[in-house]
Amino acid sequence: MTTKTTSAKGLSEALLLEIAVKHFHSVETLETRNSDRLDFHDVAVWAIRAALKEAYAAGLAAATKR
């Protein structure tokens, strides 16, 4: 049971990173790197909106598969 939860979490993390990289080209990882230059990014609001819509749609699709 734990393996399924862990792999589902890993898949969701991978999907979030994929969405972030697609919409925010300077994002390389979702891990904290303890550097303002690496952890904070200038991002247009329309890019944030598009990424949030895509993440919401992915979550909705994942929920309906269950």
C-alpha atoms as a PDB file:
ATOM      1  CA  MET A   1       0.000   0.000   0.000  1.00  0.00           C
ATOM      2  CA  THR A   2       2.822   2.389   0.827  1.00  0.00           C
ATOM      3  CA  THR A   3       4.529   1.681  -2.494  1.00  0.00           C
ATOM      4  CA  LYS A   4       1.425   2.702  -4.416  1.00  0.00           C
ATOM      5  CA  THR A   5       1.152   5.945  -2.426  1.00  0.00           C
ATOM      6  CA  THR A   6       4.844   6.668  -2.863  1.00  0.00           C
ATOM      7  CA  SER A   7       4.795   6.039  -6.601  1.00  0.00           C
ATOM      8  CA  ALA A   8       1.621   8.122  -6.992  1.00  0.00           C
ATOM      9  CA  LYS A   9       3.340  10.936  -5.095  1.00  0.00           C
ATOM     10  CA  GLY A  10       6.407  10.556  -7.308  1.00  0.00           C
ATOM     11  CA  LEU A  11       4.259  10.715 -10.427  1.00  0.00           C
ATOM     12  CA  SER A  12       2.474  13.840  -9.225  1.00  0.00           C
ATOM     13  CA  GLU A  13       5.804  15.494  -8.382  1.00  0.00           C
ATOM     14  CA  ALA A  14       7.128  14.594 -11.832  1.00  0.00           C
ATOM     15  CA  LEU A  15       3.981  15.987 -13.463  1.00  0.00           C
ATOM     16  CA  LEU A  16       4.247  19.228 -11.488  1.00  0.00           C
ATOM     17  CA  LEU A  17       7.879  19.605 -12.501  1.00  0.00           C
ATOM     18  CA  GLU A  18       6.941  18.958 -16.134  1.00  0.00           C
ATOM     19  CA  ILE A  19       4.253  21.669 -15.960  1.00  0.00           C
ATOM     20  CA  ALA A  20       6.647  24.090 -14.243  1.00  0.00           C
ATOM     21  CA  VAL A  21       9.370  23.554 -16.829  1.00  0.00           C
ATOM     22  CA  LYS A  22       6.859  23.961 -19.661  1.00  0.00           C
ATOM     23  CA  HIS A  23       5.512  27.286 -18.374  1.00  0.00           C
ATOM     24  CA  PHE A  24       8.504  28.662 -16.442  1.00  0.00           C
ATOM     25  CA  HIS A  25      11.573  27.914 -18.531  1.00  0.00           C
ATOM     26  CA  SER A  26      14.079  28.918 -15.857  1.00  0.00           C
ATOM     27  CA  VAL A  27      12.745  26.373 -13.319  1.00  0.00           C
ATOM     28  CA  GLU A  28      15.009  23.325 -13.196  1.00  0.00           C
ATOM     29  CA  THR A  29      13.754  21.713  -9.994  1.00  0.00           C
ATOM     30  CA  LEU A  30      11.016  22.080  -7.397  1.00  0.00           C
ATOM     31  CA  GLU A  31      13.512  21.477  -4.591  1.00  0.00           C
ATOM     32  CA  THR A  32      14.570  24.350  -2.328  1.00  0.00           C
ATOM     33  CA  ARG A  33      18.147  25.336  -3.082  1.00  0.00           C
ATOM     34  CA  ASN A  34      18.535  28.019  -0.388  1.00  0.00           C
ATOM     35  CA  SER A  35      19.501  30.727  -2.838  1.00  0.00           C
ATOM     36  CA  ASP A  36      17.318  33.677  -3.810  1.00  0.00           C
ATOM     37  CA  ARG A  37      18.701  33.536  -7.335  1.00  0.00           C
ATOM     38  CA  LEU A  38      17.715  29.872  -7.677  1.00  0.00           C
ATOM     39  CA  ASP A  39      14.516  29.774  -5.604  1.00  0.00           C
ATOM     40  CA  PHE A  40      12.717  32.927  -6.801  1.00  0.00           C
ATOM     41  CA  HIS A  41      11.752  33.578 -10.413  1.00  0.00           C
ATOM     42  CA  ASP A  42      10.162  36.482 -12.300  1.00  0.00           C
ATOM     43  CA  VAL A  43       7.074  34.996 -13.892  1.00  0.00           C
ATOM     44  CA  ALA A  44       4.284  36.577 -15.917  1.00  0.00           C
ATOM     45  CA  VAL A  45       0.790  36.255 -14.455  1.00  0.00           C
ATOM     46  CA  TRP A  46      -0.511  34.624 -17.648  1.00  0.00           C
ATOM     47  CA  ALA A  47       2.145  31.907 -17.294  1.00  0.00           C
ATOM     48  CA  ILE A  48       1.061  31.303 -13.696  1.00  0.00           C
ATOM     49  CA  ARG A  49      -2.593  31.151 -14.806  1.00  0.00           C
ATOM     50  CA  ALA A  50      -1.794  28.657 -17.583  1.00  0.00           C
ATOM     51  CA  ALA A  51       0.270  26.455 -15.260  1.00  0.00           C
ATOM     52  CA  LEU A  52      -2.450  26.462 -12.592  1.00  0.00           C
ATOM     53  CA  LYS A  53      -5.109  25.538 -15.160  1.00  0.00           C
ATOM     54  CA  GLU A  54      -2.959  22.683 -16.458  1.00  0.00           C
ATOM     55  CA  ALA A  55      -2.203  21.410 -12.943  1.00  0.00           C
ATOM     56  CA  TYR A  56      -5.900  21.588 -12.025  1.00  0.00           C
ATOM     57  CA  ALA A  57      -6.872  19.677 -15.180  1.00  0.00           C
ATOM     58  CA  ALA A  58      -4.231  17.033 -14.427  1.00  0.00           C
ATOM     59  CA  GLY A  59      -5.532  16.639 -10.870  1.00  0.00           C
ATOM     60  CA  LEU A  60      -9.102  16.408 -12.082  1.00  0.00           C
ATOM     61  CA  ALA A  61      -8.142  13.766 -14.648  1.00  0.00           C
ATOM     62  CA  ALA A  62      -6.267  11.768 -12.004  1.00  0.00           C
ATOM     63  CA  ALA A  63      -9.228  11.928  -9.628  1.00  0.00           C
ATOM     64  CA  THR A  64     -11.696  10.725 -12.248  1.00  0.00           C
ATOM     65  CA  LYS A  65      -9.473   7.707 -13.073  1.00  0.00           C
ATOM     66  CA  ARG A  66     -10.024   6.332  -9.559  1.00  0.00           C
END
